[in-house]
N, C-alpha and C. Protein backbone atom coordinates (compact mmCIF):
# COMPACT_ATOMS: atom_id res chain seq x y z
N MET A 1 78.08 0.98 -58.52
CA MET A 1 77.08 0.66 -59.48
C MET A 1 77.55 0.73 -60.80
N THR A 2 76.79 -0.30 -61.51
CA THR A 2 77.17 -0.39 -63.05
C THR A 2 76.56 0.67 -63.71
N LYS A 3 77.13 0.91 -65.01
CA LYS A 3 76.20 2.04 -65.82
C LYS A 3 74.90 1.52 -66.09
N GLU A 4 74.67 0.14 -66.50
CA GLU A 4 73.46 -0.57 -66.89
C GLU A 4 72.48 -0.38 -65.75
N THR A 5 72.93 -0.80 -64.36
CA THR A 5 71.98 -0.52 -63.22
C THR A 5 71.57 0.86 -63.16
N PHE A 6 72.34 1.98 -63.09
CA PHE A 6 72.40 3.32 -62.89
C PHE A 6 71.13 3.53 -64.04
N LEU A 7 71.34 3.07 -65.25
CA LEU A 7 70.36 3.72 -66.28
C LEU A 7 68.82 2.91 -65.98
N GLU A 8 68.86 1.83 -65.47
CA GLU A 8 67.74 1.00 -65.00
C GLU A 8 67.02 1.99 -63.93
N LYS A 9 67.71 2.23 -62.92
CA LYS A 9 67.20 3.04 -61.74
C LYS A 9 66.63 4.37 -62.28
N MET A 10 67.51 5.06 -63.16
CA MET A 10 67.02 6.37 -63.69
C MET A 10 65.80 6.38 -64.31
N ALA A 11 65.65 5.16 -65.24
CA ALA A 11 64.44 4.98 -66.04
C ALA A 11 63.21 4.88 -64.95
N ASP A 12 63.44 4.22 -63.97
CA ASP A 12 62.16 3.95 -62.93
C ASP A 12 62.03 5.26 -62.37
N ILE A 13 63.10 6.03 -61.89
CA ILE A 13 62.93 7.38 -61.44
C ILE A 13 61.98 8.27 -62.20
N LEU A 14 62.43 8.19 -63.36
CA LEU A 14 61.85 9.19 -64.31
C LEU A 14 60.65 8.75 -65.07
N ASP A 15 60.39 7.43 -65.10
CA ASP A 15 59.22 6.95 -65.60
C ASP A 15 59.04 7.29 -66.84
N ALA A 16 60.11 7.37 -67.67
CA ALA A 16 59.99 8.05 -68.73
C ALA A 16 59.48 7.15 -69.96
N GLU A 17 58.71 7.81 -70.92
CA GLU A 17 58.20 7.01 -72.12
C GLU A 17 59.24 6.64 -73.06
N GLU A 18 60.23 7.58 -73.36
CA GLU A 18 61.39 7.31 -74.23
C GLU A 18 62.58 6.79 -73.62
N GLU A 19 63.35 5.99 -74.33
CA GLU A 19 64.55 5.40 -73.83
C GLU A 19 65.54 6.50 -73.44
N ILE A 20 66.16 6.20 -72.36
CA ILE A 20 67.15 7.24 -72.01
C ILE A 20 68.49 6.65 -72.12
N SER A 21 69.62 7.44 -72.16
CA SER A 21 70.99 7.15 -72.20
C SER A 21 71.78 8.14 -71.57
N PHE A 22 73.09 7.92 -71.34
CA PHE A 22 73.87 8.80 -70.88
C PHE A 22 74.05 10.26 -71.36
N ASP A 23 73.69 10.27 -72.57
CA ASP A 23 73.82 11.59 -73.32
C ASP A 23 72.37 12.21 -73.26
N THR A 24 71.24 11.61 -72.68
CA THR A 24 69.99 12.28 -72.84
C THR A 24 70.12 13.49 -71.77
N GLU A 25 69.51 14.61 -72.40
CA GLU A 25 69.69 15.99 -71.68
C GLU A 25 68.59 16.02 -70.71
N LEU A 26 68.62 16.35 -69.64
CA LEU A 26 67.78 16.47 -68.64
C LEU A 26 66.56 17.59 -68.84
N SER A 27 67.15 18.57 -69.44
CA SER A 27 66.28 19.60 -69.90
C SER A 27 64.99 19.30 -70.76
N GLY A 28 65.38 18.24 -71.47
CA GLY A 28 64.38 17.74 -72.43
C GLY A 28 63.55 16.82 -71.89
N LEU A 29 63.61 16.46 -70.63
CA LEU A 29 62.83 15.39 -69.84
C LEU A 29 61.67 16.02 -69.19
N GLU A 30 60.52 15.97 -69.65
CA GLU A 30 59.42 16.63 -68.80
C GLU A 30 59.39 15.94 -67.26
N GLU A 31 59.78 14.64 -67.16
CA GLU A 31 59.76 13.90 -66.03
C GLU A 31 60.93 14.37 -64.85
N TRP A 32 61.71 15.27 -65.44
CA TRP A 32 62.73 15.60 -64.62
C TRP A 32 62.11 16.89 -63.91
N ASP A 33 61.93 16.74 -62.47
CA ASP A 33 61.46 17.66 -61.75
C ASP A 33 61.69 17.61 -60.24
N SER A 34 61.18 18.09 -59.44
CA SER A 34 61.72 18.30 -58.02
C SER A 34 61.53 16.87 -57.43
N LEU A 35 60.47 16.27 -57.77
CA LEU A 35 60.21 14.88 -57.30
C LEU A 35 61.26 13.76 -57.67
N SER A 36 61.47 13.89 -58.93
CA SER A 36 62.46 13.03 -59.40
C SER A 36 64.02 13.41 -58.99
N ILE A 37 64.08 14.60 -58.66
CA ILE A 37 65.57 14.90 -58.14
C ILE A 37 65.60 14.51 -56.77
N GLY A 38 64.54 14.43 -56.09
CA GLY A 38 64.50 13.82 -54.54
C GLY A 38 64.67 12.17 -54.54
N SER A 39 63.91 11.82 -55.68
CA SER A 39 64.12 10.24 -55.87
C SER A 39 65.53 9.89 -56.12
N TYR A 40 66.31 10.67 -57.06
CA TYR A 40 67.69 10.46 -57.41
C TYR A 40 68.71 10.67 -56.20
N ILE A 41 68.43 11.54 -55.25
CA ILE A 41 69.11 11.71 -54.20
C ILE A 41 68.69 10.74 -53.20
N ALA A 42 67.68 10.08 -53.05
CA ALA A 42 67.45 9.00 -52.12
C ALA A 42 67.94 7.80 -52.83
N MET A 43 68.03 7.62 -54.06
CA MET A 43 68.54 6.41 -54.69
C MET A 43 70.16 6.62 -54.25
N ALA A 44 70.71 7.62 -54.46
CA ALA A 44 72.15 7.77 -54.19
C ALA A 44 72.56 7.44 -52.70
N ASN A 45 71.62 7.84 -51.84
CA ASN A 45 72.05 7.59 -50.37
C ASN A 45 71.91 6.22 -50.15
N ALA A 46 70.71 5.48 -50.58
CA ALA A 46 70.52 4.06 -50.56
C ALA A 46 71.36 3.13 -51.39
N SER A 47 71.68 3.42 -52.60
CA SER A 47 72.42 2.45 -53.31
C SER A 47 73.97 2.56 -53.11
N CYS A 48 74.49 3.92 -52.87
CA CYS A 48 75.94 4.24 -52.99
C CYS A 48 76.33 4.71 -51.48
N GLY A 49 75.40 5.11 -50.72
CA GLY A 49 75.69 5.56 -49.51
C GLY A 49 76.42 6.94 -49.50
N MET A 50 76.06 7.64 -50.52
CA MET A 50 76.58 8.88 -50.63
C MET A 50 75.44 10.03 -50.45
N LYS A 51 76.14 11.17 -49.84
CA LYS A 51 75.25 12.36 -49.86
C LYS A 51 75.53 13.26 -51.02
N VAL A 52 74.66 13.42 -51.71
CA VAL A 52 74.85 14.22 -53.09
C VAL A 52 74.50 15.63 -52.92
N ASP A 53 75.36 16.55 -53.27
CA ASP A 53 75.11 17.94 -53.26
C ASP A 53 73.76 18.43 -54.18
N VAL A 54 72.86 19.06 -53.77
CA VAL A 54 71.44 19.23 -54.42
C VAL A 54 71.85 20.28 -55.45
N LYS A 55 72.77 21.08 -55.16
CA LYS A 55 73.13 22.27 -56.23
C LYS A 55 74.01 21.61 -57.38
N LYS A 56 74.67 20.56 -57.02
CA LYS A 56 75.44 19.96 -58.24
C LYS A 56 74.32 18.98 -59.20
N VAL A 57 73.51 18.47 -58.40
CA VAL A 57 72.28 17.63 -59.09
C VAL A 57 71.46 18.66 -59.93
N ARG A 58 71.22 19.76 -59.68
CA ARG A 58 70.44 20.80 -60.31
C ARG A 58 71.28 21.41 -61.39
N GLU A 59 72.62 21.37 -61.41
CA GLU A 59 73.67 21.93 -62.48
C GLU A 59 73.67 20.70 -63.58
N ALA A 60 73.45 19.57 -63.14
CA ALA A 60 73.69 18.49 -64.15
C ALA A 60 72.89 18.94 -65.51
N VAL A 61 73.67 18.34 -66.60
CA VAL A 61 72.79 18.63 -67.84
C VAL A 61 72.45 17.36 -68.35
N THR A 62 73.25 16.16 -68.25
CA THR A 62 72.65 14.84 -68.89
C THR A 62 72.76 13.96 -67.70
N ILE A 63 72.10 12.77 -67.94
CA ILE A 63 71.92 11.67 -67.17
C ILE A 63 73.52 11.32 -67.01
N GLY A 64 74.33 11.54 -67.78
CA GLY A 64 75.90 11.09 -67.54
C GLY A 64 76.39 11.90 -66.39
N ASP A 65 75.85 13.10 -66.46
CA ASP A 65 76.55 14.08 -65.33
C ASP A 65 75.95 13.36 -64.15
N LEU A 66 74.78 13.02 -64.03
CA LEU A 66 74.18 12.41 -62.54
C LEU A 66 75.07 11.14 -62.27
N TYR A 67 75.33 10.51 -63.33
CA TYR A 67 75.98 9.15 -62.95
C TYR A 67 77.56 9.63 -62.44
N ASP A 68 78.28 10.65 -63.03
CA ASP A 68 79.46 11.21 -62.43
C ASP A 68 79.55 11.42 -61.23
N LEU A 69 78.39 12.11 -60.61
CA LEU A 69 78.27 12.70 -59.30
C LEU A 69 78.38 11.43 -58.25
N LEU A 70 77.98 10.08 -58.76
CA LEU A 70 78.08 9.08 -57.74
C LEU A 70 79.43 8.23 -57.71
N GLN A 71 80.43 8.97 -58.62
CA GLN A 71 81.69 8.27 -58.76
C GLN A 71 82.58 9.04 -57.77
């Protein structure tokens, strides 16, 4: 998945008002909650065929960290 596609999918998942980037900190996003974590994991499974470790998702600090989990 390209970086651009990933950011588009994350913007949809987060339904964020502000623009997001790979440096965006998840703790600063009101929208980053258990529902969006579940949506991220579902997206990873569907788009990349990967099972993502929930613990690692919760430990992610930035959007870039979430992208790195898919590599």
